[in-house]
Amino acid sequence: MAGWQNMMAFLLLPLLTLGTIDSIVSATVFTLQNSCNYTVWPGTLSGNGVAILGDGGFALSPGATIQLSAPAGWSGRFWSRTGCNFDDSGHGNCSTGDCGGLKCTGGGAPPVTLVEFTLASGNIVKDFYDVSLVDGYNVGLGVRPSGGSGDCQYAGCLADLNENCPKELQVTDSGTVVACRSACEAFNTPQYCCTGEHSTPEKCSPTDYSKMFKNACPSAYSYAYDDASSTCTCVGSNYLITFCPH
């Protein structure tokens, strides 16, 4: 359930009628931590209109953290933007992950590393989350649950994929590789995008490019149908989201 062609279905999962479970479930706290040696500008997007976290986007200096609370049933994504310049009104742009301004009202432009969540509500008793490289890679990203029960796996991409990005996938800024595109974005063919005659799991297999991403980051989505090894669940957890995890 990752990538643009599948994310809307992921974010628009029907929310069951809120019942007594919701009345006793406290808010989920996301702690965003910048472990990069440069400023990042996290972007946030709500997929179901429940809440906009952090006004959609903000700056996070090296070593800084911020906590955001999300209600039961929240569904959405976080990502990091780099190389941003904004004026006092929040107008401007970014080298990677751009969303048209400081406060995002839409998703980040690929290539961008994503973390995606659907939080428990009603009869949906588990949180679902993943780190995705389906839309490419710009910054390392990790998610660590705390205080929850169940599987509660760590998910993330610790490797710097920009260092070994194939030339045909590279995005450069002033001669430096700042992001690594997905093969879908680079070539826009059904084989790489899992569309048309390749729109089912049986017809869309891993490619050499997605295998490269998977080998570098085993717990992250590498292509649209990489669910089995990449979708994580947890019950009653808070989450630490780290940019440039070590």
C-alpha atoms as a PDB file:
ATOM      1  CA  MET A   1       0.000   0.000   0.000  1.00  0.00           C
ATOM      2  CA  ALA A   2       2.716   2.434  -0.881  1.00  0.00           C
ATOM      3  CA  GLY A   3       3.492   4.739  -3.794  1.00  0.00           C
ATOM      4  CA  TRP A   4       1.196   7.295  -5.374  1.00  0.00           C
ATOM      5  CA  GLN A   5      -0.944   4.737  -7.216  1.00  0.00           C
ATOM      6  CA  ASN A   6      -1.685   2.807  -4.021  1.00  0.00           C
ATOM      7  CA  MET A   7      -1.329   5.438  -1.299  1.00  0.00           C
ATOM      8  CA  MET A   8      -4.768   6.978  -1.766  1.00  0.00           C
ATOM      9  CA  ALA A   9      -6.356   3.600  -1.139  1.00  0.00           C
ATOM     10  CA  PHE A  10      -4.102   3.248   1.914  1.00  0.00           C
ATOM     11  CA  LEU A  11      -5.041   6.682   3.269  1.00  0.00           C
ATOM     12  CA  LEU A  12      -8.732   6.398   2.480  1.00  0.00           C
ATOM     13  CA  LEU A  13      -9.322   3.105   4.227  1.00  0.00           C
ATOM     14  CA  PRO A  14     -12.916   3.209   5.444  1.00  0.00           C
ATOM     15  CA  LEU A  15     -13.034   4.411   9.009  1.00  0.00           C
ATOM     16  CA  LEU A  16     -15.423   2.292  11.030  1.00  0.00           C
ATOM     17  CA  THR A  17     -17.921   3.971  13.305  1.00  0.00           C
ATOM     18  CA  LEU A  18     -16.111   5.179  16.393  1.00  0.00           C
ATOM     19  CA  GLY A  19     -17.217   3.208  19.410  1.00  0.00           C
ATOM     20  CA  THR A  20     -16.294   2.712  23.015  1.00  0.00           C
ATOM     21  CA  ILE A  21     -12.711   1.786  22.126  1.00  0.00           C
ATOM     22  CA  ASP A  22     -12.065   5.293  20.801  1.00  0.00           C
ATOM     23  CA  SER A  23     -13.354   6.841  24.027  1.00  0.00           C
ATOM     24  CA  ILE A  24     -10.522   5.225  25.984  1.00  0.00           C
ATOM     25  CA  VAL A  25      -7.729   5.483  23.399  1.00  0.00           C
ATOM     26  CA  SER A  26      -5.386   8.380  24.055  1.00  0.00           C
ATOM     27  CA  ALA A  27      -3.713  10.369  21.317  1.00  0.00           C
ATOM     28  CA  THR A  28      -0.710   8.875  19.580  1.00  0.00           C
ATOM     29  CA  VAL A  29       2.433  10.977  19.986  1.00  0.00           C
ATOM     30  CA  PHE A  30       4.843  11.235  17.072  1.00  0.00           C
ATOM     31  CA  THR A  31       8.297  12.512  18.035  1.00  0.00           C
ATOM     32  CA  LEU A  32      10.202  13.792  15.006  1.00  0.00           C
ATOM     33  CA  GLN A  33      13.971  13.924  15.492  1.00  0.00           C
ATOM     34  CA  ASN A  34      16.551  15.422  13.141  1.00  0.00           C
ATOM     35  CA  SER A  35      19.794  13.461  13.384  1.00  0.00           C
ATOM     36  CA  CYS A  36      21.099  14.918  10.106  1.00  0.00           C
ATOM     37  CA  ASN A  37      23.939  17.436  10.221  1.00  0.00           C
ATOM     38  CA  TYR A  38      21.785  19.910   8.310  1.00  0.00           C
ATOM     39  CA  THR A  39      18.326  21.428   8.683  1.00  0.00           C
ATOM     40  CA  VAL A  40      15.395  19.457   7.299  1.00  0.00           C
ATOM     41  CA  TRP A  41      11.849  20.670   6.756  1.00  0.00           C
ATOM     42  CA  PRO A  42       9.457  17.825   7.622  1.00  0.00           C
ATOM     43  CA  GLY A  43       6.226  17.752   5.660  1.00  0.00           C
ATOM     44  CA  THR A  44       2.993  16.199   6.924  1.00  0.00           C
ATOM     45  CA  LEU A  45      -0.111  15.135   5.053  1.00  0.00           C
ATOM     46  CA  SER A  46      -3.403  13.861   6.459  1.00  0.00           C
ATOM     47  CA  GLY A  47      -5.196  11.400   4.235  1.00  0.00           C
ATOM     48  CA  ASN A  48      -8.605  11.399   5.880  1.00  0.00           C
ATOM     49  CA  GLY A  49      -9.198  14.965   7.071  1.00  0.00           C
ATOM     50  CA  VAL A  50      -9.035  14.001  10.764  1.00  0.00           C
ATOM     51  CA  ALA A  51      -6.189  16.382  11.667  1.00  0.00           C
ATOM     52  CA  ILE A  52      -3.375  18.357  10.057  1.00  0.00           C
ATOM     53  CA  LEU A  53      -0.250  17.808  12.129  1.00  0.00           C
ATOM     54  CA  GLY A  54       2.360  20.530  12.564  1.00  0.00           C
ATOM     55  CA  ASP A  55       0.424  22.890  10.269  1.00  0.00           C
ATOM     56  CA  GLY A  56       1.577  20.743   7.351  1.00  0.00           C
ATOM     57  CA  GLY A  57       5.289  21.559   7.590  1.00  0.00           C
ATOM     58  CA  PHE A  58       8.046  23.288   9.541  1.00  0.00           C
ATOM     59  CA  ALA A  59      11.821  23.583   9.923  1.00  0.00           C
ATOM     60  CA  LEU A  60      13.767  21.208  12.166  1.00  0.00           C
ATOM     61  CA  SER A  61      17.387  22.131  12.887  1.00  0.00           C
ATOM     62  CA  PRO A  62      20.154  19.549  13.475  1.00  0.00           C
ATOM     63  CA  GLY A  63      19.630  17.735  16.781  1.00  0.00           C
ATOM     64  CA  ALA A  64      16.152  19.201  17.315  1.00  0.00           C
ATOM     65  CA  THR A  65      12.964  17.271  18.101  1.00  0.00           C
ATOM     66  CA  ILE A  66       9.282  18.114  17.997  1.00  0.00           C
ATOM     67  CA  GLN A  67       6.249  16.203  19.255  1.00  0.00           C
ATOM     68  CA  LEU A  68       2.960  16.017  17.369  1.00  0.00           C
ATOM     69  CA  SER A  69      -0.219  14.383  18.672  1.00  0.00           C
ATOM     70  CA  ALA A  70      -2.620  12.541  16.386  1.00  0.00           C
ATOM     71  CA  PRO A  71      -6.141  11.348  17.294  1.00  0.00           C
ATOM     72  CA  ALA A  72      -7.381   7.790  16.932  1.00  0.00           C
ATOM     73  CA  GLY A  73      -8.028   6.936  13.311  1.00  0.00           C
ATOM     74  CA  TRP A  74      -5.529   9.422  11.901  1.00  0.00           C
ATOM     75  CA  SER A  75      -4.040   8.370   8.587  1.00  0.00           C
ATOM     76  CA  GLY A  76      -1.237  10.128   6.762  1.00  0.00           C
ATOM     77  CA  ARG A  77       2.420  10.472   5.970  1.00  0.00           C
ATOM     78  CA  PHE A  78       5.606  12.286   6.978  1.00  0.00           C
ATOM     79  CA  TRP A  79       8.651  13.074   4.863  1.00  0.00           C
ATOM     80  CA  SER A  80      11.715  15.292   4.904  1.00  0.00           C
ATOM     81  CA  ARG A  81      12.417  18.219   2.603  1.00  0.00           C
ATOM     82  CA  THR A  82      15.945  19.466   1.993  1.00  0.00           C
ATOM     83  CA  GLY A  83      17.560  22.557   0.512  1.00  0.00           C
ATOM     84  CA  CYS A  84      14.588  24.783   1.297  1.00  0.00           C
ATOM     85  CA  ASN A  85      14.313  28.551   1.100  1.00  0.00           C
ATOM     86  CA  PHE A  86      11.184  30.259   2.401  1.00  0.00           C
ATOM     87  CA  ASP A  87      10.339  33.907   2.930  1.00  0.00           C
ATOM     88  CA  ASP A  88       8.588  35.290   6.008  1.00  0.00           C
ATOM     89  CA  SER A  89       5.225  34.368   4.500  1.00  0.00           C
ATOM     90  CA  GLY A  90       6.231  30.728   3.981  1.00  0.00           C
ATOM     91  CA  HIS A  91       6.538  31.049   0.216  1.00  0.00           C
ATOM     92  CA  GLY A  92       9.447  29.267  -1.412  1.00  0.00           C
ATOM     93  CA  ASN A  93      10.616  25.862  -2.498  1.00  0.00           C
ATOM     94  CA  CYS A  94      12.923  22.951  -1.687  1.00  0.00           C
ATOM     95  CA  SER A  95      15.501  20.946  -3.614  1.00  0.00           C
ATOM     96  CA  THR A  96      13.829  17.666  -2.577  1.00  0.00           C
ATOM     97  CA  GLY A  97      10.392  16.760  -1.240  1.00  0.00           C
ATOM     98  CA  ASP A  98       8.917  20.116  -2.257  1.00  0.00           C
ATOM     99  CA  CYS A  99       5.215  20.697  -1.585  1.00  0.00           C
ATOM    100  CA  GLY A 100       4.838  24.287  -2.806  1.00  0.00           C
ATOM    101  CA  GLY A 101       5.408  26.143   0.464  1.00  0.00           C
ATOM    102  CA  LEU A 102       6.440  25.835   4.099  1.00  0.00           C
ATOM    103  CA  LYS A 103       3.030  24.467   5.128  1.00  0.00           C
ATOM    104  CA  CYS A 104       2.177  21.559   2.864  1.00  0.00           C
ATOM    105  CA  THR A 105      -1.346  21.070   1.553  1.00  0.00           C
ATOM    106  CA  GLY A 106      -0.345  18.108  -0.624  1.00  0.00           C
ATOM    107  CA  GLY A 107       2.335  15.454  -0.755  1.00  0.00           C
ATOM    108  CA  GLY A 108       6.032  15.903  -1.363  1.00  0.00           C
ATOM    109  CA  ALA A 109       7.317  15.783  -4.913  1.00  0.00           C
ATOM    110  CA  PRO A 110       9.241  12.582  -5.706  1.00  0.00           C
ATOM    111  CA  PRO A 111      11.867  11.384  -5.173  1.00  0.00           C
ATOM    112  CA  VAL A 112      11.233  11.375  -1.448  1.00  0.00           C
ATOM    113  CA  THR A 113      11.489   8.875   1.420  1.00  0.00           C
ATOM    114  CA  LEU A 114       8.113   8.432   3.147  1.00  0.00           C
ATOM    115  CA  VAL A 115       6.728   7.076   6.394  1.00  0.00           C
ATOM    116  CA  GLU A 116       3.050   6.185   6.251  1.00  0.00           C
ATOM    117  CA  PHE A 117       0.591   5.520   9.106  1.00  0.00           C
ATOM    118  CA  THR A 118      -2.974   4.427   9.670  1.00  0.00           C
ATOM    119  CA  LEU A 119      -3.763   4.569  13.393  1.00  0.00           C
ATOM    120  CA  ALA A 120      -6.196   2.299  15.190  1.00  0.00           C
ATOM    121  CA  SER A 121      -9.814   3.338  15.629  1.00  0.00           C
ATOM    122  CA  GLY A 122     -13.079   1.588  16.402  1.00  0.00           C
ATOM    123  CA  ASN A 123     -12.773  -2.069  15.466  1.00  0.00           C
ATOM    124  CA  ILE A 124      -9.376  -1.475  13.827  1.00  0.00           C
ATOM    125  CA  VAL A 125      -7.253  -2.295  16.870  1.00  0.00           C
ATOM    126  CA  LYS A 126      -3.771  -2.058  15.335  1.00  0.00           C
ATOM    127  CA  ASP A 127      -1.708   0.778  13.949  1.00  0.00           C
ATOM    128  CA  PHE A 128      -0.302   0.098  10.474  1.00  0.00           C
ATOM    129  CA  TYR A 129       2.902   1.807   9.352  1.00  0.00           C
ATOM    130  CA  ASP A 130       5.726   1.525   6.846  1.00  0.00           C
ATOM    131  CA  VAL A 131       8.744   3.332   5.431  1.00  0.00           C
ATOM    132  CA  SER A 132       8.515   3.573   1.661  1.00  0.00           C
ATOM    133  CA  LEU A 133      11.036   4.012  -1.143  1.00  0.00           C
ATOM    134  CA  VAL A 134       8.370   3.534  -3.818  1.00  0.00           C
ATOM    135  CA  ASP A 135       8.516   7.263  -4.544  1.00  0.00           C
ATOM    136  CA  GLY A 136      12.318   7.242  -4.411  1.00  0.00           C
ATOM    137  CA  TYR A 137      14.772   8.359  -1.740  1.00  0.00           C
ATOM    138  CA  ASN A 138      16.109  11.661  -0.481  1.00  0.00           C
ATOM    139  CA  VAL A 139      16.940  11.273   3.254  1.00  0.00           C
ATOM    140  CA  GLY A 140      17.415   8.280   5.555  1.00  0.00           C
ATOM    141  CA  LEU A 141      14.358   7.670   7.730  1.00  0.00           C
ATOM    142  CA  GLY A 142      13.537   5.374  10.645  1.00  0.00           C
ATOM    143  CA  VAL A 143      10.464   4.627  12.783  1.00  0.00           C
ATOM    144  CA  ARG A 144      10.780   3.136  16.253  1.00  0.00           C
ATOM    145  CA  PRO A 145       7.629   2.281  18.283  1.00  0.00           C
ATOM    146  CA  SER A 146       7.634   2.765  22.053  1.00  0.00           C
ATOM    147  CA  GLY A 147       5.264   1.612  24.762  1.00  0.00           C
ATOM    148  CA  GLY A 148       3.152  -0.571  22.498  1.00  0.00           C
ATOM    149  CA  SER A 149       2.370  -4.270  22.269  1.00  0.00           C
ATOM    150  CA  GLY A 150       2.379  -6.773  19.442  1.00  0.00           C
ATOM    151  CA  ASP A 151       4.956  -7.034  16.677  1.00  0.00           C
ATOM    152  CA  CYS A 152       5.990  -3.331  16.814  1.00  0.00           C
ATOM    153  CA  GLN A 153       8.943  -3.718  14.434  1.00  0.00           C
ATOM    154  CA  TYR A 154      11.490  -1.056  13.662  1.00  0.00           C
ATOM    155  CA  ALA A 155      11.080   0.154  10.083  1.00  0.00           C
ATOM    156  CA  GLY A 156      13.456   2.314   8.152  1.00  0.00           C
ATOM    157  CA  CYS A 157      16.210   2.992   5.697  1.00  0.00           C
ATOM    158  CA  LEU A 158      19.575   3.547   7.357  1.00  0.00           C
ATOM    159  CA  ALA A 159      21.668   3.444   4.188  1.00  0.00           C
ATOM    160  CA  ASP A 160      22.540   6.577   2.235  1.00  0.00           C
ATOM    161  CA  LEU A 161      21.147   5.584  -1.159  1.00  0.00           C
ATOM    162  CA  ASN A 162      22.322   8.837  -2.716  1.00  0.00           C
ATOM    163  CA  GLU A 163      25.922   7.642  -2.458  1.00  0.00           C
ATOM    164  CA  ASN A 164      25.339   4.608  -4.689  1.00  0.00           C
ATOM    165  CA  CYS A 165      22.422   5.804  -6.791  1.00  0.00           C
ATOM    166  CA  PRO A 166      22.718   4.718 -10.456  1.00  0.00           C
ATOM    167  CA  LYS A 167      23.389   7.651 -12.743  1.00  0.00           C
ATOM    168  CA  GLU A 168      20.084   7.232 -14.572  1.00  0.00           C
ATOM    169  CA  LEU A 169      18.195   7.695 -11.278  1.00  0.00           C
ATOM    170  CA  GLN A 170      20.227  10.552  -9.821  1.00  0.00           C
ATOM    171  CA  VAL A 171      18.819  13.979  -8.969  1.00  0.00           C
ATOM    172  CA  THR A 172      21.608  16.521  -8.590  1.00  0.00           C
ATOM    173  CA  ASP A 173      21.887  20.042  -7.225  1.00  0.00           C
ATOM    174  CA  SER A 174      25.080  21.993  -7.951  1.00  0.00           C
ATOM    175  CA  GLY A 175      26.801  18.763  -8.885  1.00  0.00           C
ATOM    176  CA  THR A 176      25.811  16.893  -5.696  1.00  0.00           C
ATOM    177  CA  VAL A 177      23.407  13.932  -5.712  1.00  0.00           C
ATOM    178  CA  VAL A 178      20.512  15.029  -3.457  1.00  0.00           C
ATOM    179  CA  ALA A 179      17.992  12.274  -4.246  1.00  0.00           C
ATOM    180  CA  CYS A 180      17.579   8.949  -6.004  1.00  0.00           C
ATOM    181  CA  ARG A 181      14.528   8.487  -8.195  1.00  0.00           C
ATOM    182  CA  SER A 182      12.434   5.346  -8.382  1.00  0.00           C
ATOM    183  CA  ALA A 183      12.569   3.441 -11.634  1.00  0.00           C
ATOM    184  CA  CYS A 184       8.876   4.260 -12.116  1.00  0.00           C
ATOM    185  CA  GLU A 185       9.527   7.996 -11.992  1.00  0.00           C
ATOM    186  CA  ALA A 186      12.644   7.705 -14.149  1.00  0.00           C
ATOM    187  CA  PHE A 187      11.238   5.483 -16.914  1.00  0.00           C
ATOM    188  CA  ASN A 188       7.422   5.633 -16.481  1.00  0.00           C
ATOM    189  CA  THR A 189       6.748   2.167 -17.863  1.00  0.00           C
ATOM    190  CA  PRO A 190       4.134  -0.397 -16.674  1.00  0.00           C
ATOM    191  CA  GLN A 191       6.916  -2.806 -15.684  1.00  0.00           C
ATOM    192  CA  TYR A 192       8.418  -0.340 -13.211  1.00  0.00           C
ATOM    193  CA  CYS A 193       5.172   1.389 -12.141  1.00  0.00           C
ATOM    194  CA  CYS A 194       3.027  -1.761 -11.667  1.00  0.00           C
ATOM    195  CA  THR A 195       0.382  -0.383 -14.023  1.00  0.00           C
ATOM    196  CA  GLY A 196      -1.437  -1.648 -17.115  1.00  0.00           C
ATOM    197  CA  GLU A 197      -0.577  -5.262 -17.836  1.00  0.00           C
ATOM    198  CA  HIS A 198       1.659  -5.246 -14.726  1.00  0.00           C
ATOM    199  CA  SER A 199      -1.006  -3.966 -12.302  1.00  0.00           C
ATOM    200  CA  THR A 200      -1.318  -7.092 -10.131  1.00  0.00           C
ATOM    201  CA  PRO A 201       1.117  -8.639  -7.643  1.00  0.00           C
ATOM    202  CA  GLU A 202       1.457 -11.682  -9.902  1.00  0.00           C
ATOM    203  CA  LYS A 203       2.425  -9.526 -12.908  1.00  0.00           C
ATOM    204  CA  CYS A 204       4.593  -6.938 -11.133  1.00  0.00           C
ATOM    205  CA  SER A 205       7.762  -8.487  -9.779  1.00  0.00           C
ATOM    206  CA  PRO A 206      10.806  -6.842  -8.196  1.00  0.00           C
ATOM    207  CA  THR A 207      13.202  -5.279 -10.694  1.00  0.00           C
ATOM    208  CA  ASP A 208      16.953  -4.809 -10.486  1.00  0.00           C
ATOM    209  CA  TYR A 209      16.325  -1.257  -9.255  1.00  0.00           C
ATOM    210  CA  SER A 210      13.830  -2.223  -6.542  1.00  0.00           C
ATOM    211  CA  LYS A 211      16.130  -5.066  -5.478  1.00  0.00           C
ATOM    212  CA  MET A 212      18.927  -2.517  -5.066  1.00  0.00           C
ATOM    213  CA  PHE A 213      16.694  -0.466  -2.749  1.00  0.00           C
ATOM    214  CA  LYS A 214      15.595  -3.603  -0.869  1.00  0.00           C
ATOM    215  CA  ASN A 215      19.139  -4.876  -0.354  1.00  0.00           C
ATOM    216  CA  ALA A 216      20.166  -1.499   1.080  1.00  0.00           C
ATOM    217  CA  CYS A 217      17.044  -1.082   3.235  1.00  0.00           C
ATOM    218  CA  PRO A 218      15.451  -4.497   3.951  1.00  0.00           C
ATOM    219  CA  SER A 219      12.607  -3.187   6.147  1.00  0.00           C
ATOM    220  CA  ALA A 220      11.421  -0.507   3.683  1.00  0.00           C
ATOM    221  CA  TYR A 221       8.981  -0.791   0.801  1.00  0.00           C
ATOM    222  CA  SER A 222      10.983  -1.114  -2.420  1.00  0.00           C
ATOM    223  CA  TYR A 223       8.131  -1.351  -4.932  1.00  0.00           C
ATOM    224  CA  ALA A 224       4.324  -1.220  -4.939  1.00  0.00           C
ATOM    225  CA  TYR A 225       3.671  -4.868  -3.966  1.00  0.00           C
ATOM    226  CA  ASP A 226       6.371  -5.234  -1.343  1.00  0.00           C
ATOM    227  CA  ASP A 227       3.797  -5.626   1.460  1.00  0.00           C
ATOM    228  CA  ALA A 228       4.892  -8.904   3.020  1.00  0.00           C
ATOM    229  CA  SER A 229       8.228  -7.704   4.407  1.00  0.00           C
ATOM    230  CA  SER A 230       7.473  -4.011   4.767  1.00  0.00           C
ATOM    231  CA  THR A 231       4.097  -3.383   6.443  1.00  0.00           C
ATOM    232  CA  CYS A 232       4.383  -3.164  10.241  1.00  0.00           C
ATOM    233  CA  THR A 233       1.754  -3.233  12.999  1.00  0.00           C
ATOM    234  CA  CYS A 234       1.653  -2.224  16.656  1.00  0.00           C
ATOM    235  CA  VAL A 235      -0.984  -1.653  19.346  1.00  0.00           C
ATOM    236  CA  GLY A 236      -1.095   1.382  21.646  1.00  0.00           C
ATOM    237  CA  SER A 237       2.318   2.773  20.719  1.00  0.00           C
ATOM    238  CA  ASN A 238       3.918   6.167  20.338  1.00  0.00           C
ATOM    239  CA  TYR A 239       6.479   6.565  17.547  1.00  0.00           C
ATOM    240  CA  LEU A 240       9.938   8.079  17.196  1.00  0.00           C
ATOM    241  CA  ILE A 241      10.546   9.193  13.588  1.00  0.00           C
ATOM    242  CA  THR A 242      14.233   9.923  12.958  1.00  0.00           C
ATOM    243  CA  PHE A 243      15.686  11.630   9.921  1.00  0.00           C
ATOM    244  CA  CYS A 244      19.218  10.357   9.141  1.00  0.00           C
ATOM    245  CA  PRO A 245      19.053   7.526  11.720  1.00  0.00           C
ATOM    246  CA  HIS A 246      22.396   5.997  12.685  1.00  0.00           C
END
